[in-house]
Amino acid sequence: NYQRTRMKYFYGTMIVGFCFTSFSLSLIFDTVRCNCGLPSTLL
C-alpha cells in the first residue's frame, strides 16, 4: 500500500513545511520593523 504512505508523508511534509516557513518568515519580518533595506531583509 505505497499510495497511503506516499500521501501521508506528502501532506505531512507540506503542512509541517508550511508551518516552519511561515513562522520563520513572520518572525523575521516582524522583528525587522523597517521598510528600508528590503534586499537585506529578504536575504
PDB file of all heavy atoms in Angstrom:
ATOM      1  N   ASN A   1       0.850  -1.187   0.000  1.00  0.00           N
ATOM      2  CA  ASN A   1       0.000   0.000   0.000  1.00  0.00           C
ATOM      3  C   ASN A   1       0.893   1.248   0.000  1.00  0.00           C
ATOM      4  O   ASN A   1       0.938   2.016   0.975  1.00  0.00           O
ATOM      5  CB  ASN A   1      -0.924  -0.013   1.219  1.00  0.00           C
ATOM      6  CG  ASN A   1      -2.078   0.956   1.074  1.00  0.00           C
ATOM      7  OD1 ASN A   1      -2.187   1.650   0.071  1.00  0.00           O
ATOM      8  ND2 ASN A   1      -2.936   1.011   2.069  1.00  0.00           N
ATOM      9  N   TYR A   2       1.608   1.442  -1.121  1.00  0.00           N
ATOM     10  CA  TYR A   2       2.525   2.571  -1.202  1.00  0.00           C
ATOM     11  C   TYR A   2       1.796   3.908  -1.260  1.00  0.00           C
ATOM     12  O   TYR A   2       2.308   4.912  -0.767  1.00  0.00           O
ATOM     13  CB  TYR A   2       3.421   2.429  -2.439  1.00  0.00           C
ATOM     14  CG  TYR A   2       4.397   1.286  -2.369  1.00  0.00           C
ATOM     15  CD1 TYR A   2       4.473   0.340  -3.372  1.00  0.00           C
ATOM     16  CD2 TYR A   2       5.278   1.170  -1.297  1.00  0.00           C
ATOM     17  CE1 TYR A   2       5.381  -0.710  -3.318  1.00  0.00           C
ATOM     18  CE2 TYR A   2       6.190   0.128  -1.224  1.00  0.00           C
ATOM     19  CZ  TYR A   2       6.230  -0.805  -2.241  1.00  0.00           C
ATOM     20  OH  TYR A   2       7.134  -1.833  -2.171  1.00  0.00           O
ATOM     21  N   GLN A   3       0.629   3.915  -1.892  1.00  0.00           N
ATOM     22  CA  GLN A   3      -0.077   5.176  -2.086  1.00  0.00           C
ATOM     23  C   GLN A   3      -0.431   5.835  -0.747  1.00  0.00           C
ATOM     24  O   GLN A   3      -0.337   7.053  -0.598  1.00  0.00           O
ATOM     25  CB  GLN A   3      -1.346   4.939  -2.909  1.00  0.00           C
ATOM     26  CG  GLN A   3      -2.044   6.197  -3.396  1.00  0.00           C
ATOM     27  CD  GLN A   3      -1.203   6.974  -4.401  1.00  0.00           C
ATOM     28  OE1 GLN A   3      -0.377   6.397  -5.100  1.00  0.00           O
ATOM     29  NE2 GLN A   3      -1.407   8.279  -4.457  1.00  0.00           N
ATOM     30  N   ARG A   4      -0.825   5.017   0.205  1.00  0.00           N
ATOM     31  CA  ARG A   4      -1.206   5.562   1.513  1.00  0.00           C
ATOM     32  C   ARG A   4      -0.007   6.202   2.210  1.00  0.00           C
ATOM     33  O   ARG A   4      -0.105   7.315   2.757  1.00  0.00           O
ATOM     34  CB  ARG A   4      -1.793   4.448   2.372  1.00  0.00           C
ATOM     35  CG  ARG A   4      -2.234   4.896   3.746  1.00  0.00           C
ATOM     36  CD  ARG A   4      -2.841   3.735   4.521  1.00  0.00           C
ATOM     37  NE  ARG A   4      -3.241   4.137   5.849  1.00  0.00           N
ATOM     38  CZ  ARG A   4      -3.786   3.312   6.742  1.00  0.00           C
ATOM     39  NH1 ARG A   4      -4.006   2.045   6.423  1.00  0.00           N
ATOM     40  NH2 ARG A   4      -4.130   3.754   7.933  1.00  0.00           N
ATOM     41  N   THR A   5       1.130   5.503   2.192  1.00  0.00           N
ATOM     42  CA  THR A   5       2.332   6.058   2.817  1.00  0.00           C
ATOM     43  C   THR A   5       2.800   7.305   2.085  1.00  0.00           C
ATOM     44  O   THR A   5       3.230   8.288   2.707  1.00  0.00           O
ATOM     45  CB  THR A   5       3.450   5.006   2.828  1.00  0.00           C
ATOM     46  OG1 THR A   5       2.987   3.834   3.486  1.00  0.00           O
ATOM     47  CG2 THR A   5       4.676   5.527   3.555  1.00  0.00           C
ATOM     48  N   ARG A   6       2.707   7.289   0.754  1.00  0.00           N
ATOM     49  CA  ARG A   6       3.126   8.445  -0.027  1.00  0.00           C
ATOM     50  C   ARG A   6       2.283   9.668   0.324  1.00  0.00           C
ATOM     51  O   ARG A   6       2.812  10.768   0.534  1.00  0.00           O
ATOM     52  CB  ARG A   6       3.006   8.115  -1.515  1.00  0.00           C
ATOM     53  CG  ARG A   6       3.380   9.255  -2.454  1.00  0.00           C
ATOM     54  CD  ARG A   6       3.071   8.848  -3.889  1.00  0.00           C
ATOM     55  NE  ARG A   6       3.280   9.924  -4.826  1.00  0.00           N
ATOM     56  CZ  ARG A   6       4.402  10.149  -5.489  1.00  0.00           C
ATOM     57  NH1 ARG A   6       5.450   9.371  -5.293  1.00  0.00           N
ATOM     58  NH2 ARG A   6       4.510  11.151  -6.341  1.00  0.00           N
ATOM     59  N   MET A   7       0.968   9.497   0.384  1.00  0.00           N
ATOM     60  CA  MET A   7       0.088  10.617   0.707  1.00  0.00           C
ATOM     61  C   MET A   7       0.308  11.105   2.142  1.00  0.00           C
ATOM     62  O   MET A   7       0.254  12.295   2.426  1.00  0.00           O
ATOM     63  CB  MET A   7      -1.369  10.203   0.514  1.00  0.00           C
ATOM     64  CG  MET A   7      -1.781  10.011  -0.940  1.00  0.00           C
ATOM     65  SD  MET A   7      -1.682  11.539  -1.917  1.00  0.00           S
ATOM     66  CE  MET A   7      -0.122  11.302  -2.796  1.00  0.00           C
ATOM     67  N   LYS A   8       0.558  10.159   3.036  1.00  0.00           N
ATOM     68  CA  LYS A   8       0.792  10.515   4.435  1.00  0.00           C
ATOM     69  C   LYS A   8       1.984  11.451   4.566  1.00  0.00           C
ATOM     70  O   LYS A   8       1.899  12.505   5.228  1.00  0.00           O
ATOM     71  CB  LYS A   8       1.010   9.236   5.246  1.00  0.00           C
ATOM     72  CG  LYS A   8       1.460   9.463   6.678  1.00  0.00           C
ATOM     73  CD  LYS A   8       1.748   8.130   7.353  1.00  0.00           C
ATOM     74  CE  LYS A   8       2.321   8.314   8.751  1.00  0.00           C
ATOM     75  NZ  LYS A   8       2.629   7.010   9.402  1.00  0.00           N
ATOM     76  N   TYR A   9       3.100  11.116   3.934  1.00  0.00           N
ATOM     77  CA  TYR A   9       4.286  11.930   4.070  1.00  0.00           C
ATOM     78  C   TYR A   9       4.283  13.126   3.130  1.00  0.00           C
ATOM     79  O   TYR A   9       4.957  14.123   3.405  1.00  0.00           O
ATOM     80  CB  TYR A   9       5.540  11.073   3.854  1.00  0.00           C
ATOM     81  CG  TYR A   9       5.826  10.216   5.052  1.00  0.00           C
ATOM     82  CD1 TYR A   9       5.417   8.883   5.097  1.00  0.00           C
ATOM     83  CD2 TYR A   9       6.453  10.738   6.170  1.00  0.00           C
ATOM     84  CE1 TYR A   9       5.649   8.103   6.213  1.00  0.00           C
ATOM     85  CE2 TYR A   9       6.694   9.959   7.291  1.00  0.00           C
ATOM     86  CZ  TYR A   9       6.285   8.647   7.302  1.00  0.00           C
ATOM     87  OH  TYR A   9       6.511   7.882   8.420  1.00  0.00           O
ATOM     88  N   PHE A  10       3.526  13.053   2.043  1.00  0.00           N
ATOM     89  CA  PHE A  10       3.412  14.223   1.177  1.00  0.00           C
ATOM     90  C   PHE A  10       2.655  15.341   1.885  1.00  0.00           C
ATOM     91  O   PHE A  10       3.134  16.476   1.983  1.00  0.00           O
ATOM     92  CB  PHE A  10       2.705  13.846  -0.130  1.00  0.00           C
ATOM     93  CG  PHE A  10       2.391  15.024  -1.005  1.00  0.00           C
ATOM     94  CD1 PHE A  10       3.392  15.630  -1.741  1.00  0.00           C
ATOM     95  CD2 PHE A  10       1.105  15.535  -1.076  1.00  0.00           C
ATOM     96  CE1 PHE A  10       3.113  16.731  -2.543  1.00  0.00           C
ATOM     97  CE2 PHE A  10       0.809  16.633  -1.870  1.00  0.00           C
ATOM     98  CZ  PHE A  10       1.821  17.230  -2.610  1.00  0.00           C
ATOM     99  N   TYR A  11       1.475  15.020   2.401  1.00  0.00           N
ATOM    100  CA  TYR A  11       0.691  16.045   3.102  1.00  0.00           C
ATOM    101  C   TYR A  11       1.366  16.468   4.403  1.00  0.00           C
ATOM    102  O   TYR A  11       1.309  17.653   4.783  1.00  0.00           O
ATOM    103  CB  TYR A  11      -0.723  15.537   3.375  1.00  0.00           C
ATOM    104  CG  TYR A  11      -1.567  15.432   2.126  1.00  0.00           C
ATOM    105  CD1 TYR A  11      -2.039  14.201   1.676  1.00  0.00           C
ATOM    106  CD2 TYR A  11      -1.894  16.563   1.389  1.00  0.00           C
ATOM    107  CE1 TYR A  11      -2.810  14.097   0.521  1.00  0.00           C
ATOM    108  CE2 TYR A  11      -2.672  16.469   0.237  1.00  0.00           C
ATOM    109  CZ  TYR A  11      -3.122  15.246  -0.192  1.00  0.00           C
ATOM    110  OH  TYR A  11      -3.877  15.147  -1.332  1.00  0.00           O
ATOM    111  N   GLY A  12       1.979  15.509   5.089  1.00  0.00           N
ATOM    112  CA  GLY A  12       2.700  15.870   6.309  1.00  0.00           C
ATOM    113  C   GLY A  12       3.849  16.820   6.031  1.00  0.00           C
ATOM    114  O   GLY A  12       4.069  17.788   6.766  1.00  0.00           O
ATOM    115  N   THR A  13       4.591  16.551   4.943  1.00  0.00           N
ATOM    116  CA  THR A  13       5.697  17.433   4.569  1.00  0.00           C
ATOM    117  C   THR A  13       5.193  18.819   4.203  1.00  0.00           C
ATOM    118  O   THR A  13       5.788  19.840   4.590  1.00  0.00           O
ATOM    119  CB  THR A  13       6.473  16.831   3.392  1.00  0.00           C
ATOM    120  OG1 THR A  13       6.952  15.528   3.749  1.00  0.00           O
ATOM    121  CG2 THR A  13       7.659  17.700   3.028  1.00  0.00           C
ATOM    122  N   MET A  14       4.105  18.879   3.458  1.00  0.00           N
ATOM    123  CA  MET A  14       3.564  20.174   3.048  1.00  0.00           C
ATOM    124  C   MET A  14       3.069  20.986   4.253  1.00  0.00           C
ATOM    125  O   MET A  14       3.354  22.177   4.374  1.00  0.00           O
ATOM    126  CB  MET A  14       2.417  19.965   2.060  1.00  0.00           C
ATOM    127  CG  MET A  14       2.818  19.371   0.719  1.00  0.00           C
ATOM    128  SD  MET A  14       3.984  20.397  -0.213  1.00  0.00           S
ATOM    129  CE  MET A  14       5.524  19.477   0.045  1.00  0.00           C
ATOM    130  N   ILE A  15       2.352  20.334   5.160  1.00  0.00           N
ATOM    131  CA  ILE A  15       1.781  21.063   6.302  1.00  0.00           C
ATOM    132  C   ILE A  15       2.874  21.525   7.257  1.00  0.00           C
ATOM    133  O   ILE A  15       2.937  22.709   7.636  1.00  0.00           O
ATOM    134  CB  ILE A  15       0.755  20.169   7.031  1.00  0.00           C
ATOM    135  CG1 ILE A  15      -0.454  19.896   6.119  1.00  0.00           C
ATOM    136  CG2 ILE A  15       0.296  20.837   8.332  1.00  0.00           C
ATOM    137  CD1 ILE A  15      -1.433  18.903   6.698  1.00  0.00           C
ATOM    138  N   VAL A  16       3.750  20.609   7.642  1.00  0.00           N
ATOM    139  CA  VAL A  16       4.810  20.976   8.587  1.00  0.00           C
ATOM    140  C   VAL A  16       5.789  21.954   7.942  1.00  0.00           C
ATOM    141  O   VAL A  16       6.257  22.907   8.584  1.00  0.00           O
ATOM    142  CB  VAL A  16       5.528  19.715   9.091  1.00  0.00           C
ATOM    143  CG1 VAL A  16       6.673  20.088  10.033  1.00  0.00           C
ATOM    144  CG2 VAL A  16       4.555  18.798   9.814  1.00  0.00           C
ATOM    145  N   GLY A  17       6.102  21.736   6.657  1.00  0.00           N
ATOM    146  CA  GLY A  17       6.990  22.667   5.966  1.00  0.00           C
ATOM    147  C   GLY A  17       6.398  24.063   5.867  1.00  0.00           C
ATOM    148  O   GLY A  17       7.110  25.070   6.018  1.00  0.00           O
ATOM    149  N   PHE A  18       5.098  24.140   5.621  1.00  0.00           N
ATOM    150  CA  PHE A  18       4.441  25.440   5.585  1.00  0.00           C
ATOM    151  C   PHE A  18       4.512  26.124   6.953  1.00  0.00           C
ATOM    152  O   PHE A  18       4.725  27.340   7.033  1.00  0.00           O
ATOM    153  CB  PHE A  18       2.980  25.277   5.155  1.00  0.00           C
ATOM    154  CG  PHE A  18       2.170  26.534   5.243  1.00  0.00           C
ATOM    155  CD1 PHE A  18       2.276  27.509   4.260  1.00  0.00           C
ATOM    156  CD2 PHE A  18       1.305  26.754   6.308  1.00  0.00           C
ATOM    157  CE1 PHE A  18       1.537  28.688   4.346  1.00  0.00           C
ATOM    158  CE2 PHE A  18       0.560  27.921   6.400  1.00  0.00           C
ATOM    159  CZ  PHE A  18       0.682  28.890   5.410  1.00  0.00           C
ATOM    160  N   CYS A  19       4.342  25.361   8.024  1.00  0.00           N
ATOM    161  CA  CYS A  19       4.413  25.934   9.367  1.00  0.00           C
ATOM    162  C   CYS A  19       5.814  26.468   9.654  1.00  0.00           C
ATOM    163  O   CYS A  19       5.979  27.605  10.138  1.00  0.00           O
ATOM    164  CB  CYS A  19       4.010  24.895  10.404  1.00  0.00           C
ATOM    165  SG  CYS A  19       2.277  24.414  10.363  1.00  0.00           S
ATOM    166  N   PHE A  20       6.845  25.662   9.369  1.00  0.00           N
ATOM    167  CA  PHE A  20       8.211  26.117   9.594  1.00  0.00           C
ATOM    168  C   PHE A  20       8.502  27.375   8.787  1.00  0.00           C
ATOM    169  O   PHE A  20       9.066  28.355   9.305  1.00  0.00           O
ATOM    170  CB  PHE A  20       9.204  25.010   9.196  1.00  0.00           C
ATOM    171  CG  PHE A  20       9.629  24.132  10.343  1.00  0.00           C
ATOM    172  CD1 PHE A  20       9.138  22.847  10.465  1.00  0.00           C
ATOM    173  CD2 PHE A  20      10.532  24.578  11.280  1.00  0.00           C
ATOM    174  CE1 PHE A  20       9.517  22.028  11.513  1.00  0.00           C
ATOM    175  CE2 PHE A  20      10.934  23.774  12.327  1.00  0.00           C
ATOM    176  CZ  PHE A  20      10.426  22.493  12.448  1.00  0.00           C
ATOM    177  N   THR A  21       8.118  27.366   7.505  1.00  0.00           N
ATOM    178  CA  THR A  21       8.424  28.501   6.631  1.00  0.00           C
ATOM    179  C   THR A  21       7.682  29.757   7.056  1.00  0.00           C
ATOM    180  O   THR A  21       8.275  30.840   7.172  1.00  0.00           O
ATOM    181  CB  THR A  21       8.073  28.143   5.182  1.00  0.00           C
ATOM    182  OG1 THR A  21       8.779  26.957   4.793  1.00  0.00           O
ATOM    183  CG2 THR A  21       8.445  29.273   4.244  1.00  0.00           C
ATOM    184  N   SER A  22       6.382  29.642   7.285  1.00  0.00           N
ATOM    185  CA  SER A  22       5.581  30.819   7.623  1.00  0.00           C
ATOM    186  C   SER A  22       5.974  31.401   8.974  1.00  0.00           C
ATOM    187  O   SER A  22       6.083  32.627   9.129  1.00  0.00           O
ATOM    188  CB  SER A  22       4.092  30.460   7.611  1.00  0.00           C
ATOM    189  OG  SER A  22       3.819  29.428   8.553  1.00  0.00           O
ATOM    190  N   PHE A  23       6.232  30.548   9.963  1.00  0.00           N
ATOM    191  CA  PHE A  23       6.621  31.041  11.281  1.00  0.00           C
ATOM    192  C   PHE A  23       7.975  31.760  11.215  1.00  0.00           C
ATOM    193  O   PHE A  23       8.164  32.817  11.834  1.00  0.00           O
ATOM    194  CB  PHE A  23       6.689  29.904  12.290  1.00  0.00           C
ATOM    195  CG  PHE A  23       5.366  29.249  12.563  1.00  0.00           C
ATOM    196  CD1 PHE A  23       5.296  28.037  13.227  1.00  0.00           C
ATOM    197  CD2 PHE A  23       4.186  29.837  12.153  1.00  0.00           C
ATOM    198  CE1 PHE A  23       4.073  27.425  13.479  1.00  0.00           C
ATOM    199  CE2 PHE A  23       2.960  29.241  12.391  1.00  0.00           C
ATOM    200  CZ  PHE A  23       2.906  28.028  13.055  1.00  0.00           C
ATOM    201  N   SER A  24       8.914  31.193  10.465  1.00  0.00           N
ATOM    202  CA  SER A  24      10.241  31.800  10.371  1.00  0.00           C
ATOM    203  C   SER A  24      10.192  33.128   9.629  1.00  0.00           C
ATOM    204  O   SER A  24      10.780  34.131  10.065  1.00  0.00           O
ATOM    205  CB  SER A  24      11.204  30.837   9.667  1.00  0.00           C
ATOM    206  OG  SER A  24      11.300  29.612  10.370  1.00  0.00           O
ATOM    207  N   LEU A  25       9.495  33.158   8.487  1.00  0.00           N
ATOM    208  CA  LEU A  25       9.385  34.410   7.731  1.00  0.00           C
ATOM    209  C   LEU A  25       8.672  35.483   8.546  1.00  0.00           C
ATOM    210  O   LEU A  25       9.091  36.653   8.562  1.00  0.00           O
ATOM    211  CB  LEU A  25       8.636  34.151   6.420  1.00  0.00           C
ATOM    212  CG  LEU A  25       9.371  33.339   5.347  1.00  0.00           C
ATOM    213  CD1 LEU A  25       8.450  33.061   4.168  1.00  0.00           C
ATOM    214  CD2 LEU A  25      10.622  34.071   4.870  1.00  0.00           C
ATOM    215  N   SER A  26       7.590  35.117   9.220  1.00  0.00           N
ATOM    216  CA  SER A  26       6.837  36.094  10.002  1.00  0.00           C
ATOM    217  C   SER A  26       7.667  36.651  11.149  1.00  0.00           C
ATOM    218  O   SER A  26       7.615  37.854  11.444  1.00  0.00           O
ATOM    219  CB  SER A  26       5.560  35.445  10.542  1.00  0.00           C
ATOM    220  OG  SER A  26       4.751  34.949   9.491  1.00  0.00           O
ATOM    221  N   LEU A  27       8.446  35.791  11.811  1.00  0.00           N
ATOM    222  CA  LEU A  27       9.273  36.253  12.920  1.00  0.00           C
ATOM    223  C   LEU A  27      10.321  37.249  12.447  1.00  0.00           C
ATOM    224  O   LEU A  27      10.549  38.283  13.093  1.00  0.00           O
ATOM    225  CB  LEU A  27       9.947  35.056  13.596  1.00  0.00           C
ATOM    226  CG  LEU A  27      10.854  35.358  14.794  1.00  0.00           C
ATOM    227  CD1 LEU A  27      10.049  35.985  15.921  1.00  0.00           C
ATOM    228  CD2 LEU A  27      11.553  34.101  15.273  1.00  0.00           C
ATOM    229  N   ILE A  28      10.952  37.003  11.304  1.00  0.00           N
ATOM    230  CA  ILE A  28      11.982  37.907  10.800  1.00  0.00           C
ATOM    231  C   ILE A  28      11.376  39.230  10.353  1.00  0.00           C
ATOM    232  O   ILE A  28      11.853  40.313  10.723  1.00  0.00           O
ATOM    233  CB  ILE A  28      12.758  37.245   9.647  1.00  0.00           C
ATOM    234  CG1 ILE A  28      13.556  36.036  10.160  1.00  0.00           C
ATOM    235  CG2 ILE A  28      13.688  38.250   8.982  1.00  0.00           C
ATOM    236  CD1 ILE A  28      14.602  36.382  11.192  1.00  0.00           C
ATOM    237  N   PHE A  29      10.305  39.177   9.571  1.00  0.00           N
ATOM    238  CA  PHE A  29       9.699  40.419   9.081  1.00  0.00           C
ATOM    239  C   PHE A  29       9.132  41.264  10.218  1.00  0.00           C
ATOM    240  O   PHE A  29       9.180  42.498  10.163  1.00  0.00           O
ATOM    241  CB  PHE A  29       8.601  40.101   8.064  1.00  0.00           C
ATOM    242  CG  PHE A  29       9.123  39.748   6.702  1.00  0.00           C
ATOM    243  CD1 PHE A  29       8.897  38.494   6.148  1.00  0.00           C
ATOM    244  CD2 PHE A  29       9.843  40.678   5.959  1.00  0.00           C
ATOM    245  CE1 PHE A  29       9.389  38.169   4.898  1.00  0.00           C
ATOM    246  CE2 PHE A  29      10.338  40.354   4.698  1.00  0.00           C
ATOM    247  CZ  PHE A  29      10.111  39.102   4.162  1.00  0.00           C
ATOM    248  N   ASP A  30       8.602  40.617  11.255  1.00  0.00           N
ATOM    249  CA  ASP A  30       8.080  41.383  12.379  1.00  0.00           C
ATOM    250  C   ASP A  30       9.199  41.959  13.226  1.00  0.00           C
ATOM    251  O   ASP A  30       9.059  43.038  13.807  1.00  0.00           O
ATOM    252  CB  ASP A  30       7.184  40.495  13.237  1.00  0.00           C
ATOM    253  CG  ASP A  30       6.544  41.252  14.387  1.00  0.00           C
ATOM    254  OD1 ASP A  30       5.598  42.025  14.136  1.00  0.00           O
ATOM    255  OD2 ASP A  30       7.010  41.093  15.536  1.00  0.00           O
ATOM    256  N   THR A  31      10.328  41.274  13.302  1.00  0.00           N
ATOM    257  CA  THR A  31      11.442  41.759  14.109  1.00  0.00           C
ATOM    258  C   THR A  31      12.143  42.933  13.444  1.00  0.00           C
ATOM    259  O   THR A  31      12.609  43.856  14.115  1.00  0.00           O
ATOM    260  CB  THR A  31      12.440  40.614  14.359  1.00  0.00           C
ATOM    261  OG1 THR A  31      11.761  39.509  14.970  1.00  0.00           O
ATOM    262  CG2 THR A  31      13.566  41.063  15.279  1.00  0.00           C
ATOM    263  N   VAL A  32      12.238  42.904  12.110  1.00  0.00           N
ATOM    264  CA  VAL A  32      12.953  43.958  11.388  1.00  0.00           C
ATOM    265  C   VAL A  32      12.262  45.307  11.568  1.00  0.00           C
ATOM    266  O   VAL A  32      12.897  46.328  11.862  1.00  0.00           O
ATOM    267  CB  VAL A  32      13.070  43.593   9.895  1.00  0.00           C
ATOM    268  CG1 VAL A  32      13.594  44.772   9.097  1.00  0.00           C
ATOM    269  CG2 VAL A  32      14.000  42.398   9.727  1.00  0.00           C
ATOM    270  N   ARG A  33      10.934  45.356  11.367  1.00  0.00           N
ATOM    271  CA  ARG A  33      10.140  46.567  11.590  1.00  0.00           C
ATOM    272  C   ARG A  33      10.666  47.781  10.831  1.00  0.00           C
ATOM    273  O   ARG A  33      10.772  48.888  11.373  1.00  0.00           O
ATOM    274  CB  ARG A  33      10.082  46.909  13.084  1.00  0.00           C
ATOM    275  CG  ARG A  33       9.297  45.909  13.900  1.00  0.00           C
ATOM    276  CD  ARG A  33       9.022  46.424  15.279  1.00  0.00           C
ATOM    277  NE  ARG A  33       8.205  45.486  16.038  1.00  0.00           N
ATOM    278  CZ  ARG A  33       7.716  45.735  17.255  1.00  0.00           C
ATOM    279  NH1 ARG A  33       7.971  46.891  17.831  1.00  0.00           N
ATOM    280  NH2 ARG A  33       6.981  44.839  17.879  1.00  0.00           N
ATOM    281  N   CYS A  34      11.033  47.581   9.605  1.00  0.00           N
ATOM    282  CA  CYS A  34      11.555  48.689   8.816  1.00  0.00           C
ATOM    283  C   CYS A  34      11.436  48.345   7.345  1.00  0.00           C
ATOM    284  O   CYS A  34      11.780  47.228   6.936  1.00  0.00           O
ATOM    285  CB  CYS A  34      13.010  48.979   9.185  1.00  0.00           C
ATOM    286  SG  CYS A  34      13.733  50.360   8.279  1.00  0.00           S
ATOM    287  N   ASN A  35      10.952  49.303   6.551  1.00  0.00           N
ATOM    288  CA  ASN A  35      10.848  49.100   5.110  1.00  0.00           C
ATOM    289  C   ASN A  35      12.152  49.391   4.390  1.00  0.00           C
ATOM    290  O   ASN A  35      12.295  49.066   3.208  1.00  0.00           O
ATOM    291  CB  ASN A  35       9.745  50.001   4.541  1.00  0.00           C
ATOM    292  CG  ASN A  35       8.369  49.599   5.052  1.00  0.00           C
ATOM    293  OD1 ASN A  35       8.100  48.425   5.280  1.00  0.00           O
ATOM    294  ND2 ASN A  35       7.493  50.586   5.240  1.00  0.00           N
ATOM    295  N   CYS A  36      13.097  49.998   5.082  1.00  0.00           N
ATOM    296  CA  CYS A  36      14.392  50.278   4.464  1.00  0.00           C
ATOM    297  C   CYS A  36      15.232  49.006   4.446  1.00  0.00           C
ATOM    298  O   CYS A  36      15.085  48.118   5.283  1.00  0.00           O
ATOM    299  CB  CYS A  36      15.117  51.377   5.234  1.00  0.00           C
ATOM    300  SG  CYS A  36      15.323  51.011   6.993  1.00  0.00           S
ATOM    301  N   GLY A  37      16.138  48.925   3.497  1.00  0.00           N
ATOM    302  CA  GLY A  37      16.994  47.743   3.396  1.00  0.00           C
ATOM    303  C   GLY A  37      16.221  46.487   3.077  1.00  0.00           C
ATOM    304  O   GLY A  37      16.436  45.438   3.694  1.00  0.00           O
ATOM    305  N   LEU A  38      15.293  46.590   2.113  1.00  0.00           N
ATOM    306  CA  LEU A  38      14.465  45.436   1.768  1.00  0.00           C
ATOM    307  C   LEU A  38      15.287  44.246   1.258  1.00  0.00           C
ATOM    308  O   LEU A  38      14.986  43.099   1.622  1.00  0.00           O
ATOM    309  CB  LEU A  38      13.415  45.840   0.737  1.00  0.00           C
ATOM    310  CG  LEU A  38      12.394  44.770   0.356  1.00  0.00           C
ATOM    311  CD1 LEU A  38      11.606  44.313   1.581  1.00  0.00           C
ATOM    312  CD2 LEU A  38      11.455  45.281  -0.732  1.00  0.00           C
ATOM    313  N   PRO A  39      16.324  44.439   0.417  1.00  0.00           N
ATOM    314  CA  PRO A  39      17.122  43.267  -0.024  1.00  0.00           C
ATOM    315  C   PRO A  39      17.755  42.504   1.141  1.00  0.00           C
ATOM    316  O   PRO A  39      17.727  41.272   1.165  1.00  0.00           O
ATOM    317  CB  PRO A  39      18.180  43.899  -0.937  1.00  0.00           C
ATOM    318  CG  PRO A  39      17.556  45.151  -1.439  1.00  0.00           C
ATOM    319  CD  PRO A  39      16.742  45.668  -0.293  1.00  0.00           C
ATOM    320  N   SER A  40      18.320  43.213   2.116  1.00  0.00           N
ATOM    321  CA  SER A  40      18.924  42.523   3.265  1.00  0.00           C
ATOM    322  C   SER A  40      17.866  41.827   4.112  1.00  0.00           C
ATOM    323  O   SER A  40      18.113  40.750   4.676  1.00  0.00           O
ATOM    324  CB  SER A  40      19.716  43.511   4.113  1.00  0.00           C
ATOM    325  OG  SER A  40      18.860  44.535   4.618  1.00  0.00           O
ATOM    326  N   THR A  41      16.679  42.434   4.196  1.00  0.00           N
ATOM    327  CA  THR A  41      15.585  41.793   4.940  1.00  0.00           C
ATOM    328  C   THR A  41      15.148  40.501   4.282  1.00  0.00           C
ATOM    329  O   THR A  41      14.946  39.472   4.942  1.00  0.00           O
ATOM    330  CB  THR A  41      14.394  42.754   5.061  1.00  0.00           C
ATOM    331  OG1 THR A  41      14.811  43.951   5.718  1.00  0.00           O
ATOM    332  CG2 THR A  41      13.263  42.110   5.856  1.00  0.00           C
ATOM    333  N   LEU A  42      14.990  40.528   2.954  1.00  0.00           N
ATOM    334  CA  LEU A  42      14.602  39.315   2.226  1.00  0.00           C
ATOM    335  C   LEU A  42      15.678  38.246   2.331  1.00  0.00           C
ATOM    336  O   LEU A  42      15.367  37.057   2.512  1.00  0.00           O
ATOM    337  CB  LEU A  42      14.332  39.656   0.759  1.00  0.00           C
ATOM    338  CG  LEU A  42      13.108  40.540   0.474  1.00  0.00           C
ATOM    339  CD1 LEU A  42      13.034  40.893  -0.999  1.00  0.00           C
ATOM    340  CD2 LEU A  42      11.827  39.829   0.900  1.00  0.00           C
ATOM    341  N   LEU A  43      16.946  38.664   2.221  1.00  0.00           N
ATOM    342  CA  LEU A  43      18.040  37.695   2.341  1.00  0.00           C
ATOM    343  C   LEU A  43      18.043  37.060   3.721  1.00  0.00           C
ATOM    344  O   LEU A  43      18.217  35.838   3.865  1.00  0.00           O
ATOM    345  CB  LEU A  43      19.368  38.387   2.058  1.00  0.00           C
ATOM    346  CG  LEU A  43      20.632  37.508   2.157  1.00  0.00           C
ATOM    347  CD1 LEU A  43      20.567  36.373   1.142  1.00  0.00           C
ATOM    348  CD2 LEU A  43      21.886  38.355   1.945  1.00  0.00           C
TER     349      LEU A  43
END
